[in-house]
């Protein structure tokens, strides 16, 4: 068993192995939660965010291994749209604070059960989703209330590799990690 999985309970390892769809919030999960407003070409404020490059390659690995991904965010942001497309996300929902109807819509489209969904969140609006999926994950920077409902809390903060940490655990639990290491000529 890969070393990182040894620290998890058998229940969490089993939940990881069942995941066919990884959904997540954006601000505080894919980013550190900071939103930058800079002057655009027309002088009006333009919003941007910083995303972690290791999270990005990890999301590609999930796509290569048949695990769909997506975001459900309360905020609308062109930067999120671009990043989601760059990382091959199948589901991109923005401007949705009420996330339960979105989960139901995605489940119907993707043909997965709640037990086959993992969700990464960091704030109160994520808890309702976390209570309805098979694997609830909180980032290290999540509020204590969010961490208390999570099956797993990452050691990394949102925007600082939390998603990559989850990706590695998912691929290890599914037995796909060694193939990733071989692809990059990393000794096993």
Protein backbone atom coordinates (compact mmCIF):
# COMPACT_ATOMS: atom_id res chain seq x y z
CA UNK A 1 0.00 0.00 0.00
CA UNK A 2 1.41 3.46 -0.88
CA UNK A 3 2.84 5.21 2.14
CA UNK A 4 0.39 8.15 2.13
CA UNK A 5 -2.59 5.80 2.36
CA UNK A 6 -1.19 4.12 5.47
CA UNK A 7 -2.14 7.18 7.54
CA UNK A 8 -5.80 6.96 6.55
CA UNK A 9 -8.51 4.86 8.15
CA UNK A 10 -9.71 1.82 6.19
CA UNK A 11 -13.07 3.60 5.77
CA UNK A 12 -11.43 6.64 4.11
CA UNK A 13 -9.24 4.43 1.89
CA UNK A 14 -12.37 2.59 0.75
CA UNK A 15 -14.16 5.87 0.04
CA UNK A 16 -11.17 7.12 -1.99
CA UNK A 17 -11.14 3.96 -4.11
CA UNK A 18 -14.84 4.42 -5.04
CA UNK A 19 -14.50 8.00 -6.34
CA UNK A 20 -15.45 8.53 -9.99
CA UNK A 21 -16.08 12.28 -9.75
CA UNK A 22 -14.14 14.96 -7.87
CA UNK A 23 -15.95 18.25 -7.37
CA UNK A 24 -14.67 21.29 -5.53
CA UNK A 25 -15.23 24.86 -4.54
CA UNK A 26 -12.86 27.43 -6.06
CA UNK A 27 -11.93 30.24 -3.66
CA UNK A 28 -10.05 28.71 -0.73
CA UNK A 29 -9.65 25.35 -2.51
CA UNK A 30 -8.16 25.91 -5.97
CA UNK A 31 -6.95 29.32 -4.80
CA UNK A 32 -5.79 30.72 -1.48
CA UNK A 33 -9.08 32.63 -1.32
CA UNK A 34 -7.62 35.98 -2.29
CA UNK A 35 -9.25 37.88 -5.14
CA UNK A 36 -7.18 40.50 -6.94
CA UNK A 37 -8.84 43.47 -8.63
CA UNK A 38 -6.45 45.16 -11.03
CA UNK A 39 -7.10 47.87 -13.62
CA UNK A 40 -8.19 46.40 -16.95
CA UNK A 41 -7.45 47.90 -20.37
CA UNK A 42 -10.57 50.04 -20.07
CA UNK A 43 -9.58 51.26 -16.60
CA UNK A 44 -12.32 49.30 -14.87
CA UNK A 45 -11.43 46.72 -12.22
CA UNK A 46 -10.54 43.29 -13.58
CA UNK A 47 -10.63 40.29 -11.26
CA UNK A 48 -7.93 37.64 -11.26
CA UNK A 49 -6.82 34.79 -9.03
CA UNK A 50 -3.73 32.66 -8.57
CA UNK A 51 -3.93 28.90 -9.14
CA UNK A 52 -1.40 26.25 -8.12
CA UNK A 53 0.40 24.59 -11.06
CA UNK A 54 0.76 21.26 -9.25
CA UNK A 55 -2.98 21.16 -8.70
CA UNK A 56 -3.33 21.67 -12.45
CA UNK A 57 -1.22 18.72 -13.55
CA UNK A 58 -2.91 16.58 -10.93
CA UNK A 59 -6.31 17.37 -12.41
CA UNK A 60 -5.00 16.26 -15.81
CA UNK A 61 -3.92 12.95 -14.25
CA UNK A 62 -7.46 12.38 -13.00
CA UNK A 63 -8.83 12.95 -16.51
CA UNK A 64 -6.29 10.47 -17.91
CA UNK A 65 -7.52 7.91 -15.39
CA UNK A 66 -11.23 8.34 -16.02
CA UNK A 67 -12.11 10.46 -12.99
CA UNK A 68 -14.25 13.43 -13.96
CA UNK A 69 -13.72 16.78 -12.24
CA UNK A 70 -15.61 20.02 -11.78
CA UNK A 71 -16.12 23.20 -9.82
CA UNK A 72 -19.16 24.68 -8.13
CA UNK A 73 -18.51 28.26 -7.07
CA UNK A 74 -20.66 30.98 -5.59
CA UNK A 75 -18.68 33.59 -7.49
CA UNK A 76 -18.47 34.15 -11.24
CA UNK A 77 -14.97 34.68 -12.56
CA UNK A 78 -13.45 34.51 -16.04
CA UNK A 79 -10.21 33.30 -14.40
CA UNK A 80 -12.04 30.28 -13.00
CA UNK A 81 -13.56 29.48 -16.39
CA UNK A 82 -10.16 29.58 -18.06
CA UNK A 83 -8.51 27.46 -15.36
CA UNK A 84 -11.30 24.88 -15.45
CA UNK A 85 -10.87 24.48 -19.21
CA UNK A 86 -7.07 24.33 -18.91
CA UNK A 87 -7.33 21.47 -16.43
CA UNK A 88 -9.91 19.49 -18.45
CA UNK A 89 -12.75 19.90 -15.98
CA UNK A 90 -16.03 18.45 -17.19
CA UNK A 91 -18.31 20.53 -14.95
CA UNK A 92 -18.06 24.29 -14.47
CA UNK A 93 -20.78 25.94 -12.40
CA UNK A 94 -20.31 29.52 -11.26
CA UNK A 95 -22.60 31.95 -9.46
CA UNK A 96 -24.27 29.19 -7.44
CA UNK A 97 -24.35 29.63 -3.67
CA UNK A 98 -27.09 26.97 -3.47
CA UNK A 99 -25.11 23.93 -4.54
CA UNK A 100 -27.46 20.99 -3.88
CA UNK A 101 -29.45 21.34 -7.14
CA UNK A 102 -26.13 21.46 -9.01
CA UNK A 103 -24.92 18.23 -7.38
CA UNK A 104 -28.18 16.51 -8.40
CA UNK A 105 -27.82 17.78 -11.98
CA UNK A 106 -24.20 16.63 -12.22
CA UNK A 107 -25.03 13.19 -10.76
CA UNK A 108 -27.73 12.70 -13.37
CA UNK A 109 -25.43 13.77 -16.21
CA UNK A 110 -22.38 11.81 -15.03
CA UNK A 111 -24.29 8.69 -14.01
CA UNK A 112 -22.63 8.37 -10.61
CA UNK A 113 -24.07 7.82 -7.16
CA UNK A 114 -23.42 10.09 -4.19
CA UNK A 115 -21.02 7.46 -2.79
CA UNK A 116 -18.85 7.86 -5.92
CA UNK A 117 -18.43 11.63 -5.49
CA UNK A 118 -15.70 13.40 -3.54
CA UNK A 119 -16.02 17.10 -2.76
CA UNK A 120 -13.37 19.51 -1.51
CA UNK A 121 -14.53 22.57 0.39
CA UNK A 122 -13.37 25.20 2.84
CA UNK A 123 -16.34 27.31 3.96
CA UNK A 124 -19.90 27.09 5.27
CA UNK A 125 -21.55 26.98 1.82
CA UNK A 126 -19.67 23.73 1.16
CA UNK A 127 -20.97 21.83 4.19
CA UNK A 128 -24.36 21.05 2.64
CA UNK A 129 -22.59 19.37 -0.28
CA UNK A 130 -20.06 17.62 1.94
CA UNK A 131 -22.92 16.03 3.88
CA UNK A 132 -24.33 14.57 0.65
CA UNK A 133 -21.30 12.96 -1.01
CA UNK A 134 -19.36 9.77 -0.40
CA UNK A 135 -16.11 11.52 0.51
CA UNK A 136 -16.08 14.96 2.11
CA UNK A 137 -12.71 16.70 2.10
CA UNK A 138 -11.73 19.97 3.80
CA UNK A 139 -8.61 21.96 3.04
CA UNK A 140 -6.13 22.78 5.79
CA UNK A 141 -7.35 26.41 5.72
CA UNK A 142 -11.03 25.43 6.06
CA UNK A 143 -13.02 26.76 8.96
CA UNK A 144 -13.28 24.45 11.99
CA UNK A 145 -16.96 23.86 11.29
CA UNK A 146 -16.13 22.56 7.82
CA UNK A 147 -13.30 20.37 9.07
CA UNK A 148 -15.66 18.81 11.62
CA UNK A 149 -17.86 17.28 8.87
CA UNK A 150 -14.98 16.15 6.63
CA UNK A 151 -13.87 12.55 6.27
CA UNK A 152 -10.42 13.88 5.36
CA UNK A 153 -8.59 17.16 5.97
CA UNK A 154 -5.65 17.97 3.70
CA UNK A 155 -2.29 18.92 5.14
CA UNK A 156 -1.98 21.61 2.44
CA UNK A 157 -3.94 24.82 2.20
CA UNK A 158 -6.19 25.78 -0.69
CA UNK A 159 -4.18 27.26 -3.56
CA UNK A 160 -1.05 25.64 -2.14
CA UNK A 161 -1.40 22.07 -3.37
CA UNK A 162 -4.46 20.83 -1.45
CA UNK A 163 -6.08 19.56 -4.65
CA UNK A 164 -2.85 17.84 -5.73
CA UNK A 165 -2.71 16.11 -2.35
CA UNK A 166 -6.22 14.75 -2.91
CA UNK A 167 -5.39 13.72 -6.48
CA UNK A 168 -2.41 11.68 -5.30
CA UNK A 169 -4.52 9.94 -2.66
CA UNK A 170 -7.26 9.15 -5.18
CA UNK A 171 -4.81 7.71 -7.70
CA UNK A 172 -3.02 5.70 -5.03
CA UNK A 173 -6.31 4.27 -3.74
CA UNK A 174 -7.30 3.27 -7.28
CA UNK A 175 -3.91 1.66 -7.99
CA UNK A 176 -2.98 4.21 -10.68
CA UNK A 177 -0.16 6.03 -8.90
CA UNK A 178 2.69 3.75 -9.97
CA UNK A 179 1.81 4.37 -13.64
CA UNK A 180 2.07 8.12 -13.05
CA UNK A 181 5.50 7.69 -11.47
CA UNK A 182 6.67 5.47 -14.35
CA UNK A 183 5.44 8.00 -16.90
CA UNK A 184 7.80 10.58 -15.41
CA UNK A 185 10.62 8.03 -14.97
CA UNK A 186 10.48 8.20 -11.20
CA UNK A 187 11.93 5.11 -9.54
CA UNK A 188 9.51 3.00 -7.57
